[in-house]
């Protein structure tokens, strides 16, 4: 969440940035600053009261040593009054801090200066394209027909055992899935990311740390008896490794990766947008996460974008990169790049990755800091990206690499899945 210090020092810039989201925070931020001013006054009163109380306690000790018991008792009465005042001031402080915290939790991150001020996906800015979607006009089968014909994915069996949005992968479909996971993890390893196998459930503190709570409760599966949530992405457990941690400045950047299944309770829209692998309740993804020095985080973001580009180039898929406008960005992001692959059979773009810089927004919630050369404590910048989410990658591979007799597996992927073709 936004820091109080940033609101004090840079309120006008933050308000202008939030306007790019079409989020009017003027009243909320003014209220926060008023509460903050009152909190600081209350803190000063509390400090003064405690100082008086400590001074009187020392005076009582001196009087008792001098045998002036009656005078000591009179001073004790004064300290009792000061203690009552201190208790009341502490309660006021707690109330103000709670109000400030709750208000800040509902203000999104301020977009970076280079983020466009759009309202929705139509206003996103295309920054790169590889491959020409217009050359893929000839008729091809959609991936759900290929999956059924070649017995790769069984959507009906998944619906029987669990429900819609929980498919079974089988045979070469399962091997393709496993091969993609291996390929993505080994590419991350080669890029210097440390691999983790994280838990698939998180507690509320972890959900708060990365911004899923209190914003996205309805999108997560919740085990109420245990107060645990199924992870929506590996970003959450990986980033929370450094919750309440003071890292060494020299250790930055810290690079983590992990493969997990991901669970999304709200599968989204209806019709063709959710058919087949387009939108699932459970899917597999490899995630990359970095903790970066604030001065280096946008260079880090560029490096993560290049990493994902390399994966899509290796898979020989036509794709484009969009820099999201303010109205289409996630609540916690300062800048996000979306990667979309072209679906030849569906004749539309499918999102397969988001790469984001959160600046200090998550770090402030996580209390992830470092001590700088100036001797002061600073918040790190956090970043993450999908590298990659599998369902739409599988869909794009099946649809774009098909010919009259089957599916050609990209050469870079063959060593990981163990076959060169899937025959019709």
Protein backbone atom coordinates (compact mmCIF):
# COMPACT_ATOMS: atom_id res chain seq x y z
CA UNK A 1 0.00 0.00 0.00
CA UNK A 2 1.03 3.62 -0.36
CA UNK A 3 3.22 4.96 2.42
CA UNK A 4 2.27 7.88 4.65
CA UNK A 5 5.60 9.52 3.87
CA UNK A 6 4.92 9.43 0.12
CA UNK A 7 1.50 11.03 0.67
CA UNK A 8 3.05 13.79 2.79
CA UNK A 9 5.85 14.47 0.31
CA UNK A 10 4.22 13.80 -3.05
CA UNK A 11 0.46 14.04 -2.69
CA UNK A 12 -0.20 15.95 -5.92
CA UNK A 13 1.81 13.53 -8.06
CA UNK A 14 0.07 10.53 -6.50
CA UNK A 15 -3.38 12.05 -7.04
CA UNK A 16 -2.53 12.77 -10.68
CA UNK A 17 -1.24 9.22 -11.11
CA UNK A 18 -4.38 7.72 -9.56
CA UNK A 19 -6.45 9.77 -12.00
CA UNK A 20 -5.00 7.48 -14.69
CA UNK A 21 -6.94 4.68 -13.03
CA UNK A 22 -10.03 6.90 -12.91
CA UNK A 23 -9.80 6.48 -9.16
CA UNK A 24 -10.55 9.66 -7.22
CA UNK A 25 -8.59 9.40 -3.98
CA UNK A 26 -8.66 13.08 -3.02
CA UNK A 27 -11.10 12.77 -0.17
CA UNK A 28 -9.57 9.54 1.15
CA UNK A 29 -6.00 10.85 1.01
CA UNK A 30 -6.97 14.17 2.64
CA UNK A 31 -8.66 12.22 5.44
CA UNK A 32 -5.58 10.03 5.86
CA UNK A 33 -3.33 13.07 6.10
CA UNK A 34 -5.63 14.68 8.68
CA UNK A 35 -5.61 11.49 10.74
CA UNK A 36 -1.85 11.34 10.36
CA UNK A 37 -1.44 14.92 11.60
CA UNK A 38 -3.67 14.12 14.56
CA UNK A 39 -1.71 10.93 15.20
CA UNK A 40 1.57 12.82 15.27
CA UNK A 41 0.16 15.40 17.69
CA UNK A 42 -1.13 12.58 19.87
CA UNK A 43 2.28 10.88 19.69
CA UNK A 44 3.95 14.10 20.83
CA UNK A 45 1.53 14.39 23.76
CA UNK A 46 2.12 10.75 24.64
CA UNK A 47 5.89 11.18 24.52
CA UNK A 48 5.65 14.26 26.74
CA UNK A 49 3.34 12.50 29.20
CA UNK A 50 5.64 9.47 29.42
CA UNK A 51 8.64 11.74 29.92
CA UNK A 52 6.86 13.52 32.78
CA UNK A 53 5.86 10.20 34.29
CA UNK A 54 9.45 8.90 34.12
CA UNK A 55 10.78 12.09 35.68
CA UNK A 56 8.27 11.85 38.53
CA UNK A 57 9.16 8.19 39.07
CA UNK A 58 12.79 9.20 39.52
CA UNK A 59 11.69 11.96 41.88
CA UNK A 60 9.69 9.46 43.94
CA UNK A 61 12.76 7.27 44.28
CA UNK A 62 14.82 10.23 45.53
CA UNK A 63 12.15 11.29 48.03
CA UNK A 64 11.86 7.76 49.40
CA UNK A 65 15.61 7.55 49.86
CA UNK A 66 15.47 10.86 51.77
CA UNK A 67 12.69 9.54 54.00
CA UNK A 68 10.12 11.99 52.64
CA UNK A 69 7.35 9.47 52.43
CA UNK A 70 4.42 11.93 52.47
CA UNK A 71 5.90 13.99 49.65
CA UNK A 72 6.58 10.80 47.71
CA UNK A 73 2.97 9.72 48.08
CA UNK A 74 1.80 13.09 46.74
CA UNK A 75 4.00 12.68 43.68
CA UNK A 76 2.70 9.13 43.20
CA UNK A 77 -0.79 10.57 42.86
CA UNK A 78 0.48 12.74 40.01
CA UNK A 79 2.00 9.72 38.28
CA UNK A 80 -1.31 7.85 38.52
CA UNK A 81 -3.00 10.69 36.69
CA UNK A 82 -0.26 10.70 34.05
CA UNK A 83 -0.57 6.94 33.59
CA UNK A 84 -4.30 7.32 32.97
CA UNK A 85 -3.56 10.05 30.42
CA UNK A 86 -0.96 7.83 28.76
CA UNK A 87 -3.40 4.95 28.50
CA UNK A 88 -6.01 7.20 26.92
CA UNK A 89 -3.48 8.64 24.45
CA UNK A 90 -2.32 5.13 23.50
CA UNK A 91 -5.92 4.15 22.74
CA UNK A 92 -6.30 7.27 20.59
CA UNK A 93 -3.09 6.39 18.78
CA UNK A 94 -4.26 2.84 18.12
CA UNK A 95 -7.61 4.06 16.82
CA UNK A 96 -5.97 6.56 14.46
CA UNK A 97 -3.43 4.03 13.21
CA UNK A 98 -6.21 1.54 12.51
CA UNK A 99 -8.21 4.13 10.58
CA UNK A 100 -5.16 5.15 8.55
CA UNK A 101 -4.25 1.53 7.81
CA UNK A 102 -7.78 0.58 6.75
CA UNK A 103 -8.06 3.61 4.48
CA UNK A 104 -4.70 2.97 2.81
CA UNK A 105 -5.67 -0.66 2.14
CA UNK A 106 -8.43 0.55 -0.18
CA UNK A 107 -6.31 2.99 -2.23
CA UNK A 108 -4.62 1.31 -5.23
CA UNK A 109 -1.02 1.81 -6.26
CA UNK A 110 -0.09 4.98 -8.15
CA UNK A 111 0.75 4.16 -11.80
CA UNK A 112 4.17 5.00 -13.20
CA UNK A 113 4.51 8.16 -15.29
CA UNK A 114 4.75 6.11 -18.51
CA UNK A 115 1.41 4.38 -17.94
CA UNK A 116 -1.35 5.65 -20.24
CA UNK A 117 -4.52 7.07 -18.72
CA UNK A 118 -7.01 4.68 -20.32
CA UNK A 119 -10.18 3.09 -19.00
CA UNK A 120 -10.06 -0.50 -20.28
CA UNK A 121 -8.24 -3.02 -22.45
CA UNK A 122 -8.99 -1.05 -25.61
CA UNK A 123 -6.69 1.71 -24.31
CA UNK A 124 -3.66 -0.52 -23.70
CA UNK A 125 -0.51 0.33 -25.66
CA UNK A 126 1.07 -2.28 -27.91
CA UNK A 127 4.85 -2.04 -27.47
CA UNK A 128 6.04 -5.09 -29.44
CA UNK A 129 4.79 -7.73 -31.85
CA UNK A 130 6.44 -10.88 -33.18
CA UNK A 131 4.84 -12.87 -35.98
CA UNK A 132 2.08 -11.76 -38.30
CA UNK A 133 -1.36 -12.89 -37.19
CA UNK A 134 -2.80 -11.99 -40.59
CA UNK A 135 -0.83 -14.85 -42.21
CA UNK A 136 -2.76 -17.42 -40.17
CA UNK A 137 -6.13 -16.97 -41.80
CA UNK A 138 -6.60 -20.51 -43.17
CA UNK A 139 -9.04 -22.64 -41.24
CA UNK A 140 -7.66 -24.62 -38.31
CA UNK A 141 -9.26 -26.71 -35.61
CA UNK A 142 -9.74 -25.17 -32.15
CA UNK A 143 -7.71 -26.76 -29.39
CA UNK A 144 -10.72 -28.34 -27.68
CA UNK A 145 -11.50 -30.37 -30.81
CA UNK A 146 -7.84 -31.42 -31.12
CA UNK A 147 -7.73 -32.33 -27.43
CA UNK A 148 -10.76 -34.62 -27.83
CA UNK A 149 -9.64 -36.13 -31.14
CA UNK A 150 -6.11 -36.92 -29.89
CA UNK A 151 -7.19 -37.79 -26.32
CA UNK A 152 -4.96 -35.09 -24.79
CA UNK A 153 -7.36 -33.36 -22.39
CA UNK A 154 -10.65 -34.61 -20.97
CA UNK A 155 -12.92 -31.74 -19.98
CA UNK A 156 -15.99 -33.91 -19.35
CA UNK A 157 -14.13 -36.22 -16.97
CA UNK A 158 -12.87 -33.19 -15.05
CA UNK A 159 -16.41 -31.87 -14.78
CA UNK A 160 -17.57 -35.28 -13.50
CA UNK A 161 -14.86 -35.61 -10.84
CA UNK A 162 -14.68 -31.98 -9.72
CA UNK A 163 -16.58 -29.50 -11.89
CA UNK A 164 -16.22 -27.28 -14.93
CA UNK A 165 -12.81 -25.66 -15.19
CA UNK A 166 -10.86 -28.63 -13.74
CA UNK A 167 -9.71 -30.71 -16.75
CA UNK A 168 -7.79 -33.97 -16.82
CA UNK A 169 -4.61 -34.07 -18.94
CA UNK A 170 -3.74 -37.51 -20.29
CA UNK A 171 -1.21 -39.27 -22.49
CA UNK A 172 0.74 -36.86 -24.66
CA UNK A 173 -1.34 -34.03 -23.24
CA UNK A 174 0.07 -34.76 -19.78
CA UNK A 175 3.61 -35.17 -21.18
CA UNK A 176 3.30 -31.87 -23.05
CA UNK A 177 2.17 -30.16 -19.85
CA UNK A 178 5.05 -31.65 -17.85
CA UNK A 179 7.53 -30.80 -20.60
CA UNK A 180 6.46 -27.15 -20.67
CA UNK A 181 6.86 -26.90 -16.89
CA UNK A 182 10.39 -28.37 -17.09
CA UNK A 183 11.30 -26.08 -19.98
CA UNK A 184 10.10 -22.94 -18.19
CA UNK A 185 11.81 -23.89 -14.91
CA UNK A 186 15.12 -24.69 -16.56
CA UNK A 187 15.05 -21.42 -18.49
CA UNK A 188 14.44 -19.59 -15.21
CA UNK A 189 17.31 -21.48 -13.59
CA UNK A 190 19.61 -20.47 -16.44
CA UNK A 191 18.56 -16.85 -15.87
CA UNK A 192 19.64 -17.00 -12.23
CA UNK A 193 16.33 -17.61 -10.46
CA UNK A 194 16.39 -19.87 -7.38
CA UNK A 195 13.71 -22.55 -7.66
CA UNK A 196 11.22 -23.20 -4.85
CA UNK A 197 8.35 -25.62 -4.44
CA UNK A 198 6.08 -23.49 -2.24
CA UNK A 199 2.93 -24.41 -0.30
CA UNK A 200 -0.32 -24.34 -2.24
CA UNK A 201 -2.21 -22.71 0.63
CA UNK A 202 -1.58 -19.40 2.38
CA UNK A 203 -2.72 -17.70 5.57
CA UNK A 204 -4.44 -14.28 5.63
CA UNK A 205 -1.21 -12.42 6.48
CA UNK A 206 0.34 -13.72 3.27
CA UNK A 207 -2.74 -12.77 1.27
CA UNK A 208 -2.55 -9.26 2.71
CA UNK A 209 1.17 -8.97 2.02
CA UNK A 210 0.84 -9.29 -1.75
CA UNK A 211 -2.51 -7.52 -2.04
CA UNK A 212 -4.96 -10.40 -2.53
CA UNK A 213 -6.62 -9.39 0.73
CA UNK A 214 -8.75 -7.45 1.32
CA UNK A 215 -9.23 -6.90 -2.45
CA UNK A 216 -9.74 -10.37 -3.96
CA UNK A 217 -11.41 -12.61 -1.38
CA UNK A 218 -14.11 -13.63 -3.85
CA UNK A 219 -11.54 -14.93 -6.34
CA UNK A 220 -9.84 -17.37 -3.95
CA UNK A 221 -10.92 -20.73 -2.56
CA UNK A 222 -11.20 -20.32 1.21
CA UNK A 223 -10.91 -23.11 3.81
CA UNK A 224 -12.87 -21.38 6.56
CA UNK A 225 -12.26 -23.96 9.30
CA UNK A 226 -8.51 -23.52 8.94
CA UNK A 227 -8.50 -19.87 7.77
CA UNK A 228 -6.38 -20.79 4.74
CA UNK A 229 -6.68 -19.85 1.07
CA UNK A 230 -5.70 -21.82 -2.04
CA UNK A 231 -3.06 -19.82 -3.88
CA UNK A 232 -4.16 -17.88 -6.98
CA UNK A 233 -0.51 -17.82 -8.16
CA UNK A 234 2.94 -18.78 -6.88
CA UNK A 235 3.64 -15.04 -6.56
CA UNK A 236 1.92 -15.06 -3.18
CA UNK A 237 3.95 -17.70 -1.28
CA UNK A 238 7.20 -16.78 -3.06
CA UNK A 239 6.94 -13.07 -2.28
CA UNK A 240 5.94 -13.76 1.33
CA UNK A 241 9.21 -15.59 1.92
CA UNK A 242 10.60 -12.12 2.60
CA UNK A 243 7.73 -10.80 4.71
CA UNK A 244 9.11 -9.05 7.83
CA UNK A 245 12.69 -9.50 6.58
CA UNK A 246 15.52 -6.95 6.48
CA UNK A 247 17.59 -7.89 3.45
CA UNK A 248 21.14 -6.81 2.78
CA UNK A 249 21.44 -4.14 0.09
CA UNK A 250 24.27 -6.11 -1.47
CA UNK A 251 22.00 -9.15 -1.89
CA UNK A 252 19.64 -7.29 -4.24
CA UNK A 253 18.29 -8.29 -6.66
CA UNK A 254 16.87 -11.48 -5.16
CA UNK A 255 15.46 -13.78 -7.87
CA UNK A 256 12.98 -16.59 -7.11
CA UNK A 257 10.91 -18.90 -9.27
CA UNK A 258 8.46 -21.71 -8.70
CA UNK A 259 5.95 -23.96 -10.37
CA UNK A 260 2.53 -24.42 -8.77
CA UNK A 261 -1.02 -25.17 -9.70
CA UNK A 262 -3.08 -22.00 -9.40
CA UNK A 263 -6.66 -21.80 -8.19
CA UNK A 264 -9.12 -19.12 -9.30
CA UNK A 265 -12.63 -19.29 -7.92
CA UNK A 266 -14.10 -16.82 -10.40
CA UNK A 267 -13.44 -18.18 -13.87
CA UNK A 268 -14.76 -15.00 -15.49
CA UNK A 269 -16.90 -14.48 -18.57
CA UNK A 270 -19.04 -16.93 -20.49
CA UNK A 271 -19.32 -18.41 -23.96
CA UNK A 272 -16.29 -18.75 -26.23
CA UNK A 273 -14.05 -16.92 -23.73
CA UNK A 274 -14.18 -19.85 -21.31
CA UNK A 275 -14.37 -22.76 -23.73
CA UNK A 276 -11.62 -25.37 -23.53
CA UNK A 277 -8.43 -24.06 -21.90
CA UNK A 278 -9.25 -20.39 -22.28
CA UNK A 279 -10.21 -19.87 -18.65
CA UNK A 280 -9.94 -22.45 -15.87
CA UNK A 281 -10.46 -22.72 -12.11
CA UNK A 282 -7.22 -24.74 -11.76
CA UNK A 283 -4.19 -24.36 -14.01
CA UNK A 284 -0.41 -24.70 -13.90
CA UNK A 285 2.04 -21.82 -14.03
CA UNK A 286 5.71 -21.05 -13.53
CA UNK A 287 6.21 -17.72 -11.78
CA UNK A 288 9.29 -15.51 -11.53
CA UNK A 289 9.67 -13.02 -8.66
CA UNK A 290 12.31 -10.41 -7.93
CA UNK A 291 13.15 -8.11 -5.03
CA UNK A 292 15.03 -5.16 -6.49
CA UNK A 293 16.76 -1.98 -5.42
CA UNK A 294 14.41 0.97 -6.13
CA UNK A 295 16.99 2.56 -8.44
CA UNK A 296 17.15 -0.63 -10.54
CA UNK A 297 13.60 -1.94 -10.56
CA UNK A 298 12.55 -0.67 -13.99
CA UNK A 299 15.69 -2.08 -15.57
CA UNK A 300 14.74 -5.30 -13.75
CA UNK A 301 11.24 -5.10 -15.22
CA UNK A 302 12.71 -4.75 -18.70
CA UNK A 303 14.88 -7.82 -18.07
CA UNK A 304 11.87 -9.87 -16.97
CA UNK A 305 9.99 -8.82 -20.10
CA UNK A 306 12.93 -9.98 -22.21
CA UNK A 307 12.94 -13.31 -20.36
CA UNK A 308 9.29 -13.97 -21.23
CA UNK A 309 9.89 -12.86 -24.84
CA UNK A 310 12.61 -15.49 -25.08
CA UNK A 311 10.22 -18.23 -23.96
CA UNK A 312 7.62 -17.32 -26.58
CA UNK A 313 10.24 -17.03 -29.29
CA UNK A 314 11.48 -20.53 -28.42
CA UNK A 315 7.92 -21.84 -28.67
CA UNK A 316 7.64 -20.23 -32.13
CA UNK A 317 4.36 -18.52 -31.32
CA UNK A 318 3.14 -15.20 -32.73
CA UNK A 319 2.69 -12.81 -29.81
CA UNK A 320 2.42 -9.19 -28.81
CA UNK A 321 3.25 -7.16 -25.70
CA UNK A 322 0.89 -4.57 -24.24
CA UNK A 323 1.69 -1.95 -21.63
CA UNK A 324 -1.53 -1.77 -19.67
CA UNK A 325 -3.32 1.53 -19.23
CA UNK A 326 -4.25 2.79 -15.77
CA UNK A 327 -7.82 1.53 -15.96
CA UNK A 328 -6.79 -2.02 -16.87
CA UNK A 329 -3.96 -2.54 -14.36
CA UNK A 330 -4.16 -4.63 -11.22
CA UNK A 331 -4.80 -2.91 -7.88
CA UNK A 332 -1.23 -3.28 -6.62
CA UNK A 333 0.74 -2.62 -9.82
CA UNK A 334 2.67 0.51 -10.79
CA UNK A 335 3.33 -0.81 -14.33
CA UNK A 336 2.29 -4.02 -16.07
CA UNK A 337 3.14 -5.61 -19.41
CA UNK A 338 0.76 -8.27 -20.71
CA UNK A 339 1.86 -10.90 -23.23
CA UNK A 340 -0.74 -12.26 -25.63
CA UNK A 341 -0.34 -15.12 -28.11
CA UNK A 342 -2.34 -15.36 -31.31
CA UNK A 343 -4.88 -18.15 -31.55
CA UNK A 344 -5.04 -19.19 -35.19
CA UNK A 345 -8.24 -21.21 -34.83
CA UNK A 346 -10.08 -18.75 -32.57
CA UNK A 347 -8.69 -15.74 -34.46
CA UNK A 348 -8.07 -13.71 -31.32
CA UNK A 349 -5.33 -12.87 -28.84
CA UNK A 350 -4.98 -14.90 -25.63
CA UNK A 351 -3.24 -13.49 -22.56
CA UNK A 352 -0.48 -15.82 -21.30
CA UNK A 353 1.60 -13.61 -19.00
CA UNK A 354 1.59 -10.44 -16.93
CA UNK A 355 4.88 -8.91 -15.81
CA UNK A 356 4.57 -6.18 -13.19
CA UNK A 357 6.54 -3.77 -11.04
CA UNK A 358 4.79 -3.01 -7.75
CA UNK A 359 7.48 -0.58 -6.57
CA UNK A 360 7.09 -0.31 -2.75
CA UNK A 361 3.35 -1.13 -2.66
CA UNK A 362 3.70 -4.79 -1.71
CA UNK A 363 6.93 -4.22 0.26
CA UNK A 364 5.15 -1.76 2.55
CA UNK A 365 2.55 -4.42 3.36
CA UNK A 366 5.24 -7.08 3.69
CA UNK A 367 7.62 -4.86 5.71
CA UNK A 368 10.42 -6.05 3.41
CA UNK A 369 13.26 -3.56 3.76
CA UNK A 370 16.96 -3.03 3.36
CA UNK A 371 19.46 -0.71 5.05
CA UNK A 372 21.10 1.60 2.53
CA UNK A 373 24.57 3.07 2.42
CA UNK A 374 23.03 6.21 3.89
CA UNK A 375 22.36 4.27 7.09
CA UNK A 376 18.59 4.58 6.64
CA UNK A 377 16.03 1.83 6.19
CA UNK A 378 14.26 1.67 2.81
CA UNK A 379 11.54 -0.47 1.26
CA UNK A 380 12.57 -2.77 -1.59
CA UNK A 381 10.70 -2.91 -4.90
CA UNK A 382 8.92 -6.16 -5.76
CA UNK A 383 8.24 -7.53 -9.25
CA UNK A 384 6.75 -10.70 -10.66
CA UNK A 385 5.77 -12.31 -13.91
CA UNK A 386 4.16 -15.40 -15.41
CA UNK A 387 6.87 -17.38 -17.16
CA UNK A 388 4.54 -18.88 -18.25
CA UNK A 389 0.90 -19.82 -17.57
CA UNK A 390 0.27 -23.11 -19.33
CA UNK A 391 -3.37 -23.45 -20.45
CA UNK A 392 -3.40 -20.84 -23.22
CA UNK A 393 0.17 -21.73 -24.21
CA UNK A 394 -1.02 -25.31 -24.78
CA UNK A 395 -4.04 -23.98 -26.69
CA UNK A 396 -1.81 -21.79 -28.87
CA UNK A 397 0.64 -24.63 -29.54
CA UNK A 398 -2.15 -26.97 -30.64
CA UNK A 399 -3.85 -24.36 -32.80
CA UNK A 400 -0.84 -22.63 -34.38
CA UNK A 401 1.42 -25.63 -34.98
CA UNK A 402 -1.12 -27.93 -36.59
CA UNK A 403 -0.94 -29.16 -40.14
CA UNK A 404 -3.07 -31.63 -42.09
CA UNK A 405 -1.82 -34.66 -40.13
CA UNK A 406 -1.24 -33.37 -36.61
CA UNK A 407 0.67 -30.99 -34.35
CA UNK A 408 4.35 -30.15 -34.73
CA UNK A 409 6.20 -29.69 -31.42
CA UNK A 410 8.67 -26.74 -31.45
CA UNK A 411 12.28 -27.93 -31.56
CA UNK A 412 13.17 -26.25 -28.25
CA UNK A 413 10.44 -28.21 -26.48
CA UNK A 414 11.11 -31.68 -27.94
CA UNK A 415 13.85 -32.64 -25.40
CA UNK A 416 11.44 -31.84 -22.56
CA UNK A 417 8.32 -33.65 -23.73
CA UNK A 418 10.03 -36.49 -25.59
CA UNK A 419 8.17 -36.42 -28.91
CA UNK A 420 8.19 -34.33 -32.07
CA UNK A 421 4.55 -34.63 -33.14
CA UNK A 422 1.05 -35.34 -31.99
CA UNK A 423 -0.71 -37.14 -34.82
CA UNK A 424 -4.40 -36.77 -35.64
